[in-house]
Amino acid sequence: MNPIKALPARVVSAALLVVALAGFALPFASEAYNTTQLTNMGLAITPAGQTCINDLTRFGFVTYSGKALLTGSDPTTDFGEPPSCTASGSLGQGVGASGDAHNYAVWPQSSLIAAVVLAFLGIAVGLTPLRRRALMAGVCAAAGLILLIAAQDNAMSAIVSRLSPATPLELLLQNFTTFAREGFFLSAASFGLAVMANLIEFLATTTPRQVETATDS
């Protein structure tokens, strides 16, 4: 492939990996209450109360950015409750976490650190004139994606282990649920698209040579 024609593919791959790194500034995971216990109790709940319970399942009272999981820094906390619970007075109290945010911090995730290193390596290699740059950058992006997913799974377990019931409502709900946030999805999608971009460039640079070799023989 002509180096000038290959330039857009290099830029696209590098740009996607930059976006993957930028995703670490956004929320990666949040902790919410598991409301299954309330639902299974068969209580007489008003429509407003049901709305409150539904919102609780996605109310992130502790939220971890990619940076927080990467460095072990403090997450952000919301000690309140969903607006629907406040408006209806369904629960009559704040339902968020309590205590110092530092109490909810988790250890730096080694797999996440490795994914970041691979993203930088993929950017550096992808912009070089090396013959197999697309293959090497693609491998970096693919390995980064795998490590990102593994790190997210490990982080979910680490987050749950940092929490314990403290208020009457928490004791009633018994446990918590963790869900992925937009930062994780943005980074994962960007890693995946970088893999595809490099795969397309790799196939475009190898196929003509293979055809030419077959013709000569």
Protein backbone atom coordinates (compact mmCIF):
# COMPACT_ATOMS: atom_id res chain seq x y z
CA MET A 1 0.00 0.00 0.00
CA ASN A 2 1.23 3.49 -0.82
CA PRO A 3 2.38 5.24 2.42
CA ILE A 4 0.25 8.25 1.58
CA LYS A 5 -2.85 6.06 1.15
CA ALA A 6 -2.05 4.22 4.36
CA LEU A 7 -1.89 7.46 6.33
CA PRO A 8 -5.67 7.75 6.89
CA ALA A 9 -5.79 4.20 8.27
CA ARG A 10 -2.92 5.00 10.64
CA VAL A 11 -4.62 8.19 11.79
CA VAL A 12 -7.96 6.44 12.30
CA SER A 13 -6.37 3.71 14.41
CA ALA A 14 -4.42 6.21 16.52
CA ALA A 15 -7.49 8.44 16.95
CA LEU A 16 -9.60 5.51 18.11
CA LEU A 17 -7.01 4.51 20.70
CA VAL A 18 -6.85 8.11 21.91
CA VAL A 19 -10.65 8.02 22.34
CA ALA A 20 -10.28 4.74 24.27
CA LEU A 21 -7.87 6.49 26.64
CA ALA A 22 -10.17 9.51 26.93
CA GLY A 23 -12.95 7.18 28.09
CA PHE A 24 -11.03 6.66 31.32
CA ALA A 25 -12.02 10.16 32.39
CA LEU A 26 -15.68 9.10 32.34
CA PRO A 27 -17.58 6.83 34.75
CA PHE A 28 -16.62 3.17 34.30
CA ALA A 29 -18.79 1.50 36.94
CA SER A 30 -21.41 2.38 39.53
CA GLU A 31 -22.86 0.62 42.53
CA ALA A 32 -26.62 0.51 43.11
CA TYR A 33 -29.00 -1.30 45.45
CA ASN A 34 -30.32 -4.69 44.44
CA THR A 35 -34.07 -4.21 44.78
CA THR A 36 -34.97 -7.84 44.07
CA GLN A 37 -35.66 -8.39 47.78
CA LEU A 38 -38.25 -5.61 47.88
CA THR A 39 -39.95 -6.92 44.75
CA ASN A 40 -40.07 -10.52 46.00
CA MET A 41 -41.61 -9.49 49.32
CA GLY A 42 -44.88 -8.78 47.53
CA LEU A 43 -45.49 -5.57 49.43
CA ALA A 44 -48.39 -3.31 48.52
CA ILE A 45 -46.40 -0.68 46.65
CA THR A 46 -47.96 2.37 45.04
CA PRO A 47 -47.13 3.19 41.40
CA ALA A 48 -44.94 6.03 42.63
CA GLY A 49 -43.21 3.66 45.00
CA GLN A 50 -42.62 1.16 42.19
CA THR A 51 -41.06 3.92 40.10
CA CYS A 52 -38.79 4.71 43.02
CA ILE A 53 -37.75 1.07 43.36
CA ASN A 54 -37.10 0.79 39.63
CA ASP A 55 -34.91 3.90 39.72
CA LEU A 56 -32.95 2.54 42.66
CA THR A 57 -31.56 -0.25 40.46
CA ARG A 58 -29.73 2.36 38.32
CA PHE A 59 -29.00 4.90 41.04
CA GLY A 60 -25.23 4.92 41.30
CA PHE A 61 -24.54 5.94 44.88
CA VAL A 62 -20.85 5.13 44.37
CA THR A 63 -19.34 5.80 40.95
CA TYR A 64 -15.86 4.91 39.75
CA SER A 65 -14.24 6.61 36.79
CA GLY A 66 -11.68 4.74 34.73
CA LYS A 67 -9.05 6.90 36.37
CA ALA A 68 -10.21 5.87 39.85
CA LEU A 69 -9.95 2.19 38.93
CA LEU A 70 -6.60 2.81 37.25
CA THR A 71 -4.97 4.68 40.11
CA GLY A 72 -6.91 3.52 43.16
CA SER A 73 -8.14 7.06 43.82
CA ASP A 74 -11.44 7.84 45.56
CA PRO A 75 -14.72 7.33 43.69
CA THR A 76 -17.51 9.89 43.68
CA THR A 77 -20.46 9.33 46.01
CA ASP A 78 -24.08 10.44 46.11
CA PHE A 79 -25.60 10.16 49.57
CA GLY A 80 -29.07 11.11 48.42
CA GLU A 81 -31.75 9.17 46.57
CA PRO A 82 -33.38 9.14 43.12
CA PRO A 83 -35.65 12.16 42.47
CA SER A 84 -38.63 9.81 42.13
CA CYS A 85 -38.09 8.57 45.70
CA THR A 86 -37.80 12.11 47.04
CA ALA A 87 -40.89 13.29 45.17
CA SER A 88 -43.08 10.40 46.27
CA GLY A 89 -41.76 10.12 49.79
CA SER A 90 -41.86 6.39 49.19
CA LEU A 91 -38.92 5.54 51.38
CA GLY A 92 -38.89 8.54 53.63
CA GLN A 93 -35.11 8.72 53.88
CA GLY A 94 -31.96 9.13 51.88
CA VAL A 95 -30.90 5.82 50.44
CA GLY A 96 -27.40 6.61 49.25
CA ALA A 97 -24.15 5.39 50.69
CA SER A 98 -22.76 6.87 53.85
CA GLY A 99 -19.24 7.56 55.03
CA ASP A 100 -16.02 8.86 53.54
CA ALA A 101 -15.58 8.25 49.80
CA HIS A 102 -12.09 6.95 50.57
CA ASN A 103 -13.71 3.96 52.27
CA TYR A 104 -15.01 2.81 48.88
CA ALA A 105 -11.73 3.12 46.95
CA VAL A 106 -10.36 -0.07 45.37
CA TRP A 107 -6.83 -1.10 44.58
CA PRO A 108 -5.40 -0.06 41.17
CA GLN A 109 -6.43 -2.63 38.60
CA SER A 110 -3.31 -4.13 37.04
CA SER A 111 -5.16 -5.34 33.93
CA LEU A 112 -6.43 -1.83 33.35
CA ILE A 113 -2.90 -0.44 33.65
CA ALA A 114 -1.72 -2.97 31.07
CA ALA A 115 -4.58 -1.98 28.74
CA VAL A 116 -3.52 1.67 28.93
CA VAL A 117 0.10 0.76 28.20
CA LEU A 118 -1.00 -1.27 25.17
CA ALA A 119 -3.12 1.65 23.93
CA PHE A 120 -0.10 3.98 24.01
CA LEU A 121 2.04 1.30 22.37
CA GLY A 122 -0.58 0.79 19.67
CA ILE A 123 -0.63 4.53 18.95
CA ALA A 124 3.16 4.73 18.76
CA VAL A 125 3.58 1.63 16.58
CA GLY A 126 0.64 2.47 14.34
CA LEU A 127 2.09 5.85 13.37
CA THR A 128 5.51 4.45 12.42
CA PRO A 129 6.51 3.42 8.87
CA LEU A 130 7.14 -0.15 10.02
CA ARG A 131 6.08 -2.74 7.47
CA ARG A 132 3.89 -4.69 9.89
CA ARG A 133 2.62 -1.71 11.83
CA ALA A 134 -1.05 -2.58 11.20
CA LEU A 135 -0.54 -6.11 12.52
CA MET A 136 1.33 -4.93 15.61
CA ALA A 137 -1.07 -2.07 16.34
CA GLY A 138 -4.02 -4.42 15.85
CA VAL A 139 -2.57 -6.94 18.27
CA CYS A 140 -2.04 -4.16 20.82
CA ALA A 141 -5.65 -3.01 20.42
CA ALA A 142 -7.04 -6.56 20.64
CA ALA A 143 -4.99 -7.38 23.74
CA GLY A 144 -6.01 -4.03 25.24
CA LEU A 145 -9.68 -4.84 24.69
CA ILE A 146 -9.33 -8.25 26.34
CA LEU A 147 -7.53 -6.76 29.33
CA LEU A 148 -10.09 -3.95 29.59
CA ILE A 149 -12.95 -6.45 29.82
CA ALA A 150 -11.03 -8.59 32.32
CA ALA A 151 -10.21 -5.53 34.42
CA GLN A 152 -13.84 -4.44 34.45
CA ASP A 153 -14.92 -7.85 35.72
CA ASN A 154 -12.25 -7.81 38.43
CA ALA A 155 -13.19 -4.26 39.39
CA MET A 156 -16.85 -5.22 39.79
CA SER A 157 -15.89 -7.89 42.33
CA ALA A 158 -13.51 -5.53 44.12
CA ILE A 159 -16.19 -2.83 44.35
CA VAL A 160 -18.76 -5.17 45.89
CA SER A 161 -16.23 -6.34 48.48
CA ARG A 162 -15.81 -2.74 49.68
CA LEU A 163 -19.47 -2.37 50.57
CA SER A 164 -21.44 -3.67 53.53
CA PRO A 165 -24.97 -2.92 54.78
CA ALA A 166 -24.99 0.05 57.15
CA THR A 167 -28.51 1.53 57.22
CA PRO A 168 -31.87 -0.19 57.85
CA LEU A 169 -32.74 0.12 54.18
CA GLU A 170 -29.43 -1.42 53.15
CA LEU A 171 -30.03 -4.29 55.56
CA LEU A 172 -33.44 -4.81 53.98
CA LEU A 173 -32.02 -4.78 50.47
CA GLN A 174 -29.27 -7.13 51.66
CA ASN A 175 -26.92 -6.67 48.72
CA PHE A 176 -25.84 -4.43 45.90
CA THR A 177 -25.54 -4.57 42.15
CA THR A 178 -22.77 -3.15 39.99
CA PHE A 179 -23.27 -1.95 36.45
CA ALA A 180 -20.94 -0.69 33.73
CA ARG A 181 -21.07 2.95 32.71
CA GLU A 182 -20.49 4.98 29.56
CA GLY A 183 -16.74 5.34 29.96
CA PHE A 184 -16.22 1.59 29.83
CA PHE A 185 -18.46 1.17 26.79
CA LEU A 186 -16.72 4.05 24.98
CA SER A 187 -13.26 2.62 25.64
CA ALA A 188 -14.27 -0.93 24.73
CA ALA A 189 -15.93 0.18 21.49
CA SER A 190 -12.90 2.28 20.55
CA PHE A 191 -10.51 -0.60 21.16
CA GLY A 192 -12.71 -2.85 19.06
CA LEU A 193 -12.94 -0.38 16.18
CA ALA A 194 -9.15 0.08 16.30
CA VAL A 195 -8.79 -3.68 15.87
CA MET A 196 -11.04 -3.56 12.81
CA ALA A 197 -9.25 -0.55 11.31
CA ASN A 198 -5.87 -2.24 11.62
CA LEU A 199 -7.21 -5.54 10.32
CA ILE A 200 -8.56 -3.81 7.21
CA GLU A 201 -5.21 -2.09 6.61
CA PHE A 202 -3.31 -5.34 7.20
CA LEU A 203 -5.45 -7.22 4.67
CA ALA A 204 -5.13 -4.38 2.17
CA THR A 205 -1.33 -4.44 2.40
CA THR A 206 -0.87 -8.21 2.30
CA THR A 207 -3.41 -9.33 -0.31
CA PRO A 208 -1.81 -7.56 -3.33
CA ARG A 209 1.58 -9.08 -2.54
CA GLN A 210 0.08 -12.54 -2.24
CA VAL A 211 -1.67 -12.17 -5.60
CA GLU A 212 1.54 -10.92 -7.22
CA THR A 213 3.53 -13.87 -5.82
CA ALA A 214 0.97 -16.35 -7.10
CA THR A 215 1.07 -14.77 -10.57
CA ASP A 216 4.86 -14.89 -10.75
CA SER A 217 4.93 -18.55 -9.87
